[in-house]
Protein backbone atom coordinates (compact mmCIF):
# COMPACT_ATOMS: atom_id res chain seq x y z
CA UNK A 1 102.47 29.91 107.78
CA UNK A 2 102.63 30.59 104.04
CA UNK A 3 105.69 29.05 102.39
CA UNK A 4 108.06 31.53 100.79
CA UNK A 5 109.75 30.22 97.67
CA UNK A 6 113.54 30.15 97.56
CA UNK A 7 113.78 32.91 94.95
CA UNK A 8 112.04 35.30 97.35
CA UNK A 9 113.48 33.98 100.58
CA UNK A 10 117.04 34.32 99.34
CA UNK A 11 116.63 37.56 97.37
CA UNK A 12 119.79 39.64 97.99
CA UNK A 13 119.36 42.54 100.42
CA UNK A 14 122.76 44.16 99.85
CA UNK A 15 124.89 44.87 96.80
CA UNK A 16 127.52 42.44 98.13
CA UNK A 17 125.00 39.60 97.97
CA UNK A 18 124.16 40.04 94.27
CA UNK A 19 125.58 37.20 92.18
CA UNK A 20 127.62 37.88 89.06
CA UNK A 21 126.87 41.58 88.51
CA UNK A 22 129.89 43.23 90.14
CA UNK A 23 130.34 45.68 87.28
CA UNK A 24 126.90 47.14 88.05
CA UNK A 25 126.89 46.99 91.84
CA UNK A 26 130.38 48.50 92.12
CA UNK A 27 129.42 51.45 89.91
CA UNK A 28 126.24 52.14 91.90
CA UNK A 29 128.02 51.84 95.25
CA UNK A 30 130.67 54.30 94.12
CA UNK A 31 128.03 56.71 92.83
CA UNK A 32 126.32 56.66 96.23
CA UNK A 33 129.60 57.11 98.11
CA UNK A 34 130.59 60.10 95.96
CA UNK A 35 127.13 61.67 95.98
CA UNK A 36 126.80 61.27 92.21
CA UNK A 37 123.56 59.30 92.01
CA UNK A 38 121.91 59.87 88.59
CA UNK A 39 118.26 60.83 88.28
CA UNK A 40 117.53 57.91 85.92
CA UNK A 41 119.04 54.43 85.73
CA UNK A 42 118.33 51.87 83.00
CA UNK A 43 118.99 48.24 83.94
CA UNK A 44 119.05 45.90 80.93
CA UNK A 45 119.42 42.15 80.86
CA UNK A 46 117.69 38.77 80.52
CA UNK A 47 115.12 37.57 83.02
CA UNK A 48 116.09 36.52 86.49
CA UNK A 49 119.56 38.09 86.66
CA UNK A 50 118.89 40.76 89.30
CA UNK A 51 117.43 43.87 87.67
CA UNK A 52 114.54 44.43 90.09
CA UNK A 53 116.66 43.24 93.01
CA UNK A 54 119.33 45.85 92.28
CA UNK A 55 116.64 48.52 91.95
CA UNK A 56 115.27 47.67 95.40
CA UNK A 57 118.73 47.59 96.97
CA UNK A 58 119.46 51.00 95.45
CA UNK A 59 116.24 52.32 96.97
CA UNK A 60 117.24 51.00 100.39
CA UNK A 61 120.70 52.55 100.08
CA UNK A 62 119.23 55.97 99.38
CA UNK A 63 116.40 55.92 101.91
CA UNK A 64 118.05 54.07 104.79
CA UNK A 65 117.85 56.12 107.99
CA UNK A 66 121.66 55.94 108.14
CA UNK A 67 122.02 56.89 104.49
CA UNK A 68 122.45 57.60 101.77
CA UNK A 69 124.89 54.73 102.15
CA UNK A 70 126.23 51.92 100.00
CA UNK A 71 125.60 49.51 102.91
CA UNK A 72 122.02 49.92 104.20
CA UNK A 73 121.39 48.73 107.75
CA UNK A 74 118.44 46.51 106.80
CA UNK A 75 116.78 46.96 110.20
CA UNK A 76 115.46 50.52 110.24
CA UNK A 77 111.82 51.29 109.47
CA UNK A 78 112.62 52.56 105.96
CA UNK A 79 114.65 49.46 105.01
CA UNK A 80 111.93 47.19 106.38
CA UNK A 81 109.18 49.02 104.49
CA UNK A 82 111.10 48.89 101.21
CA UNK A 83 111.85 45.19 101.68
CA UNK A 84 108.17 44.55 102.39
CA UNK A 85 106.96 46.66 99.47
CA UNK A 86 105.03 49.08 101.69
CA UNK A 87 107.18 52.22 101.45
CA UNK A 88 105.30 55.31 100.28
CA UNK A 89 108.50 56.72 98.80
CA UNK A 90 109.26 53.70 96.60
CA UNK A 91 106.73 52.92 93.93
CA UNK A 92 107.03 49.87 91.66
CA UNK A 93 105.17 49.96 88.36
CA UNK A 94 104.61 47.09 85.94
CA UNK A 95 104.80 48.72 82.52
CA UNK A 96 103.52 45.52 80.90
CA UNK A 97 100.06 46.20 82.34
CA UNK A 98 100.21 50.00 82.55
CA UNK A 99 101.29 51.06 79.10
CA UNK A 100 99.11 54.07 78.32
CA UNK A 101 99.95 57.76 78.37
CA UNK A 102 97.40 58.25 81.18
CA UNK A 103 99.37 55.85 83.38
CA UNK A 104 102.55 57.83 82.75
CA UNK A 105 100.78 61.11 83.52
CA UNK A 106 99.79 59.69 86.90
CA UNK A 107 103.43 58.82 87.45
CA UNK A 108 104.55 62.33 86.47
CA UNK A 109 102.02 63.81 88.89
CA UNK A 110 103.37 61.64 91.71
CA UNK A 111 106.95 62.74 90.97
CA UNK A 112 106.09 66.33 91.89
CA UNK A 113 105.55 65.48 95.56
CA UNK A 114 108.52 65.65 97.90
CA UNK A 115 109.66 62.43 99.56
CA UNK A 116 108.31 61.74 103.02
CA UNK A 117 109.57 60.37 105.32
CA UNK A 118 112.45 59.16 103.13
CA UNK A 119 115.11 61.19 101.37
CA UNK A 120 114.21 60.19 97.78
CA UNK A 121 111.11 59.43 95.76
CA UNK A 122 112.04 56.36 93.75
CA UNK A 123 110.04 54.94 90.86
CA UNK A 124 110.93 51.45 89.67
CA UNK A 125 109.39 50.77 86.25
CA UNK A 126 109.65 47.11 85.26
CA UNK A 127 109.55 46.02 81.59
CA UNK A 128 109.68 49.67 80.59
CA UNK A 129 109.95 48.75 76.90
CA UNK A 130 106.24 47.88 76.98
CA UNK A 131 105.21 51.53 77.30
CA UNK A 132 103.48 53.02 74.27
CA UNK A 133 105.16 55.68 72.14
CA UNK A 134 102.89 58.48 73.48
CA UNK A 135 103.72 57.33 77.01
CA UNK A 136 107.45 57.58 76.32
CA UNK A 137 106.97 61.03 74.82
CA UNK A 138 105.07 62.18 77.90
CA UNK A 139 107.94 60.98 80.08
CA UNK A 140 110.69 62.81 78.21
CA UNK A 141 110.22 66.25 79.81
CA UNK A 142 110.33 64.82 83.32
CA UNK A 143 113.49 62.87 82.50
CA UNK A 144 115.04 66.01 81.04
CA UNK A 145 114.29 68.17 84.11
CA UNK A 146 113.48 65.86 87.02
CA UNK A 147 112.37 67.26 90.38
CA UNK A 148 115.04 67.17 93.10
CA UNK A 149 115.31 64.03 95.23
CA UNK A 150 113.62 61.88 92.62
CA UNK A 151 115.00 58.79 90.92
CA UNK A 152 113.73 56.63 88.08
CA UNK A 153 114.97 53.05 87.80
CA UNK A 154 113.91 51.40 84.55
CA UNK A 155 114.27 47.64 84.07
CA UNK A 156 113.93 45.89 80.73
CA UNK A 157 114.65 42.64 78.96
CA UNK A 158 114.41 44.32 75.56
CA UNK A 159 116.28 47.65 75.48
CA UNK A 160 116.11 47.83 71.67
CA UNK A 161 112.42 48.76 71.94
CA UNK A 162 113.10 51.80 74.11
CA UNK A 163 113.38 55.10 72.17
CA UNK A 164 116.92 56.43 72.02
CA UNK A 165 115.69 59.77 73.38
CA UNK A 166 114.81 57.95 76.62
CA UNK A 167 117.96 55.82 76.75
CA UNK A 168 120.18 58.88 76.27
CA UNK A 169 118.70 60.46 79.40
CA UNK A 170 119.59 57.47 81.60
CA UNK A 171 122.71 55.85 82.93
CA UNK A 172 122.56 52.43 81.30
CA UNK A 173 123.86 49.25 82.91
CA UNK A 174 123.80 45.91 81.11
CA UNK A 175 123.42 42.91 83.39
CA UNK A 176 124.93 39.71 82.05
CA UNK A 177 123.57 36.21 81.83
CA UNK A 178 125.09 34.33 84.74
CA UNK A 179 127.69 31.59 84.08
CA UNK A 180 126.60 28.09 85.03
CA UNK A 181 129.45 27.77 87.52
CA UNK A 182 128.36 30.86 89.47
CA UNK A 183 124.72 29.77 89.52
CA UNK A 184 125.70 26.27 90.69
CA UNK A 185 127.86 27.71 93.46
CA UNK A 186 125.02 29.91 94.69
CA UNK A 187 122.58 27.00 94.54
CA UNK A 188 125.00 24.96 96.62
CA UNK A 189 125.18 27.65 99.30
CA UNK A 190 121.40 27.91 99.46
CA UNK A 191 120.92 24.12 99.52
CA UNK A 192 123.37 23.89 102.42
CA UNK A 193 121.54 26.63 104.31
CA UNK A 194 118.25 24.81 103.69
CA UNK A 195 119.85 21.56 104.94
CA UNK A 196 119.32 19.85 101.60
CA UNK A 197 121.81 17.23 100.42
CA UNK A 198 122.37 17.39 96.66
CA UNK A 199 125.36 16.44 94.51
CA UNK A 200 127.50 18.93 92.56
CA UNK A 201 126.45 17.12 89.38
CA UNK A 202 122.77 17.81 90.09
CA UNK A 203 123.53 21.43 90.96
CA UNK A 204 125.30 21.80 87.62
CA UNK A 205 122.31 20.27 85.82
CA UNK A 206 119.87 22.63 87.53
CA UNK A 207 122.13 25.60 86.80
CA UNK A 208 122.32 24.66 83.11
CA UNK A 209 118.53 24.40 82.93
CA UNK A 210 118.29 27.87 84.46
CA UNK A 211 119.99 29.18 81.31
CA UNK A 212 121.82 32.00 83.05
CA UNK A 213 118.89 32.98 85.27
CA UNK A 214 119.42 32.49 89.00
CA UNK A 215 115.73 33.00 89.68
CA UNK A 216 114.76 30.24 87.23
CA UNK A 217 117.40 27.95 88.72
CA UNK A 218 116.06 28.56 92.24
CA UNK A 219 112.55 27.77 91.03
CA UNK A 220 113.83 24.45 89.67
CA UNK A 221 115.67 23.75 92.93
CA UNK A 222 112.40 24.37 94.78
CA UNK A 223 110.69 21.87 92.49
CA UNK A 224 113.40 19.26 92.98
CA UNK A 225 113.25 19.61 96.78
CA UNK A 226 109.46 19.27 96.68
CA UNK A 227 109.84 15.91 94.93
CA UNK A 228 112.97 14.51 96.56
CA UNK A 229 112.88 16.05 100.02
CA UNK A 230 116.10 16.91 101.82
CA UNK A 231 117.99 13.97 100.24
CA UNK A 232 118.03 14.64 96.51
CA UNK A 233 119.68 12.06 94.22
CA UNK A 234 120.83 12.52 90.63
CA UNK A 235 118.16 10.25 89.14
CA UNK A 236 115.38 12.22 90.81
CA UNK A 237 116.81 15.47 89.48
CA UNK A 238 117.06 14.02 85.96
CA UNK A 239 113.43 12.88 86.14
CA UNK A 240 112.13 16.22 87.41
CA UNK A 241 114.07 18.22 84.83
CA UNK A 242 113.39 15.70 82.03
CA UNK A 243 117.11 15.38 81.42
CA UNK A 244 118.70 12.85 79.11
CA UNK A 245 120.94 10.52 81.11
CA UNK A 246 124.53 11.37 80.25
CA UNK A 247 125.41 7.72 79.71
CA UNK A 248 122.64 7.36 77.13
CA UNK A 249 123.65 10.60 75.44
CA UNK A 250 127.30 9.56 75.35
CA UNK A 251 126.31 6.19 73.87
CA UNK A 252 124.37 7.91 71.08
CA UNK A 253 127.21 10.32 70.34
CA UNK A 254 129.80 7.52 70.39
CA UNK A 255 127.77 5.42 67.94
CA UNK A 256 127.43 8.36 65.56
CA UNK A 257 131.12 9.25 65.77
CA UNK A 258 132.18 5.62 65.30
CA UNK A 259 129.92 5.23 62.26
CA UNK A 260 127.69 2.57 63.83
CA UNK A 261 124.05 3.33 62.91
CA UNK A 262 122.77 0.14 64.58
CA UNK A 263 124.28 1.13 67.93
CA UNK A 264 122.90 4.66 67.50
CA UNK A 265 119.38 3.31 66.98
CA UNK A 266 119.73 1.00 69.99
CA UNK A 267 120.80 3.90 72.21
CA UNK A 268 117.90 5.96 70.86
CA UNK A 269 115.51 3.12 71.75
CA UNK A 270 116.88 3.04 75.32
CA UNK A 271 116.22 6.76 75.61
CA UNK A 272 112.64 6.26 74.40
CA UNK A 273 112.12 3.50 76.98
CA UNK A 274 113.04 6.00 79.69
CA UNK A 275 110.40 8.40 78.43
CA UNK A 276 112.81 10.91 76.90
CA UNK A 277 111.17 13.03 74.23
CA UNK A 278 112.84 12.95 70.78
CA UNK A 279 113.12 16.73 70.72
CA UNK A 280 114.89 16.74 74.07
CA UNK A 281 117.27 14.00 72.95
CA UNK A 282 118.10 15.97 69.82
CA UNK A 283 118.61 19.23 71.71
CA UNK A 284 120.96 17.65 74.25
CA UNK A 285 122.86 15.87 71.48
CA UNK A 286 123.32 19.22 69.72
CA UNK A 287 124.93 20.53 72.90
CA UNK A 288 127.23 17.53 73.16
CA UNK A 289 128.28 17.81 69.50
CA UNK A 290 129.08 21.46 70.13
CA UNK A 291 131.34 20.43 73.01
CA UNK A 292 133.01 17.80 70.81
CA UNK A 293 133.77 20.38 68.12
CA UNK A 294 135.26 22.75 70.71
CA UNK A 295 137.44 20.05 72.25
CA UNK A 296 138.56 18.86 68.81
CA UNK A 297 139.73 22.28 67.65
CA UNK A 298 140.86 23.52 71.10
CA UNK A 299 141.75 20.46 73.21
CA UNK A 300 142.99 22.51 76.18
CA UNK A 301 140.06 24.94 76.35
CA UNK A 302 138.28 23.30 79.28
CA UNK A 303 136.74 26.62 80.25
CA UNK A 304 134.61 26.53 77.09
CA UNK A 305 133.03 23.19 78.01
CA UNK A 306 131.01 22.61 81.17
CA UNK A 307 131.33 19.44 83.21
CA UNK A 308 133.58 17.62 85.64
CA UNK A 309 137.16 16.71 84.77
CA UNK A 310 136.13 13.10 84.15
CA UNK A 311 133.28 14.13 81.85
CA UNK A 312 135.50 16.48 79.85
CA UNK A 313 138.13 13.74 79.55
CA UNK A 314 135.48 11.39 78.10
CA UNK A 315 134.42 14.01 75.58
CA UNK A 316 138.01 14.79 74.60
CA UNK A 317 138.67 11.09 73.94
CA UNK A 318 135.50 10.84 71.85
CA UNK A 319 136.35 13.97 69.87
CA UNK A 320 139.74 12.48 69.04
CA UNK A 321 138.13 9.58 67.17
CA UNK A 322 137.18 11.74 64.19
CA UNK A 323 138.05 15.06 62.60
CA UNK A 324 136.66 18.54 63.22
CA UNK A 325 135.16 18.83 59.74
CA UNK A 326 132.97 15.78 60.24
CA UNK A 327 131.91 16.89 63.72
CA UNK A 328 130.93 20.30 62.39
CA UNK A 329 128.93 18.72 59.56
CA UNK A 330 127.20 16.44 62.06
CA UNK A 331 126.32 19.44 64.21
CA UNK A 332 124.83 21.37 61.28
CA UNK A 333 122.89 18.34 60.07
CA UNK A 334 121.37 17.72 63.50
CA UNK A 335 120.39 21.39 63.89
CA UNK A 336 118.52 21.14 60.58
CA UNK A 337 116.79 17.96 61.72
CA UNK A 338 115.75 19.71 64.95
CA UNK A 339 113.75 22.19 62.92
CA UNK A 340 111.81 19.31 61.35
CA UNK A 341 111.04 17.77 64.75
CA UNK A 342 108.69 20.60 65.71
CA UNK A 343 106.25 19.74 62.90
CA UNK A 344 106.88 16.04 62.34
CA UNK A 345 103.86 13.71 62.83
CA UNK A 346 106.30 11.05 64.09
CA UNK A 347 109.16 12.81 65.91
CA UNK A 348 110.71 9.49 66.96
CA UNK A 349 111.16 8.49 63.31
CA UNK A 350 112.77 11.85 62.52
CA UNK A 351 115.35 11.55 65.30
CA UNK A 352 116.10 7.94 64.31
CA UNK A 353 116.75 8.91 60.69
CA UNK A 354 118.82 11.85 61.89
CA UNK A 355 121.04 9.50 63.90
CA UNK A 356 121.42 7.16 60.92
CA UNK A 357 122.43 10.16 58.82
CA UNK A 358 125.04 11.22 61.39
CA UNK A 359 126.43 7.72 61.79
CA UNK A 360 126.84 7.23 58.04
CA UNK A 361 128.27 10.68 57.38
CA UNK A 362 131.69 10.57 55.72
CA UNK A 363 134.61 12.09 57.56
CA UNK A 364 136.34 15.22 56.36
CA UNK A 365 139.40 13.14 55.47
CA UNK A 366 137.29 10.82 53.29
CA UNK A 367 135.75 13.78 51.49
CA UNK A 368 139.17 15.38 51.01
CA UNK A 369 140.59 12.13 49.61
CA UNK A 370 137.66 11.86 47.20
CA UNK A 371 138.20 15.44 46.02
CA UNK A 372 141.88 14.73 45.45
CA UNK A 373 141.03 11.64 43.36
CA UNK A 374 138.56 13.65 41.28
CA UNK A 375 141.15 16.40 40.79
CA UNK A 376 143.78 13.87 39.70
CA UNK A 377 141.34 12.27 37.27
CA UNK A 378 140.45 15.65 35.78
CA UNK A 379 144.13 16.44 35.28
CA UNK A 380 144.71 13.13 33.49
CA UNK A 381 141.73 13.66 31.23
CA UNK A 382 142.81 17.19 30.40
CA UNK A 383 146.21 15.93 29.20
CA UNK A 384 144.98 13.24 26.77
CA UNK A 385 142.22 12.92 24.13
CA UNK A 386 139.10 11.11 25.25
CA UNK A 387 138.33 7.85 23.41
CA UNK A 388 134.84 6.57 24.05
CA UNK A 389 135.21 3.70 21.54
CA UNK A 390 132.43 4.95 19.24
CA UNK A 391 132.43 4.65 15.42
CA UNK A 392 133.22 8.32 14.97
CA UNK A 393 136.23 8.28 17.26
CA UNK A 394 139.55 9.44 15.81
CA UNK A 395 142.34 6.83 15.52
CA UNK A 396 144.54 6.44 18.58
CA UNK A 397 147.97 8.03 18.45
CA UNK A 398 150.57 5.45 17.36
CA UNK A 399 147.88 3.11 15.96
CA UNK A 400 148.06 1.32 12.57
CA UNK A 401 147.48 3.67 9.63
CA UNK A 402 145.94 3.00 6.27
């Protein structure tokens, strides 16, 4: 039997199962319940957050044999056909590969036919922003005066490229990037259902790598399970995801904060021995410096920093060893060095020099003290004549006269 990846196996089949998009699912459920379903819906958001999934659930709600209903049965012939992608009344179109005006004219021709056997003809157009300008223009009239019992659901990751004349004819819903905590919780539920043992720390790491995309996170979980089996340990997850060990990262950050360039270079060498790429080390250190700045200026804002209570406590203690000005300067300096890493012939040398620069960077208090000394010196010089001891210098006040 062909294996079905987790992202497909656990695709939500009801609005209640969609993770983190309650503002969208609630609005659509209410529209169905009140009989106020629009003729065109625009779903915007980053990849892997549920745009196509919501479009398919909406199609099932409208064409379920017990519907229209906000809670499709999932077992009738119509629900099964839509779930399997074989419904004649639900057509999915990839606008990335069908961008021409001729493709849109075929779509417009199909809209004219009444739904059968379902109640609605539904057209799901993915990556709609890829359509050409003539194609959008050809679609306008149909969106303005759509045939009865027809529905367009447009999905896009780049709504700025869609003409305003099209957007204004749709009900727009913006899907959000999912918080790491919500993704990790969903991964935990799926791992438990799949009888996979994995630590909360590893789930958090996978969720962070997913970057707000549940689909990407599930793909990574699939990869981790393929390598580690049903007993997944933290080290295996770190190896698969090419993560920098937190202890190594904390050692590098501590050396930089404490002004110890030798210790920073030693920690960098340990990271290299583990096969960690310089660019990855720099990127993860940027993230940790960001957390240090946040905890330094807002010590009680745990919600702004991800990690366990123990990890946040470690970062808070480290942030307290220096001032916010220095941490911010370290962050900016490392971001600049990251840009050089992409083109450097020896990336390891670049990251080493970057760490030396961070470790030897003066604190904000030192800089402020230096500025105060300069200001005091300028004030003293402004209040007295300058005597450089040269032959043309005027006699000192109170000196012997001729």
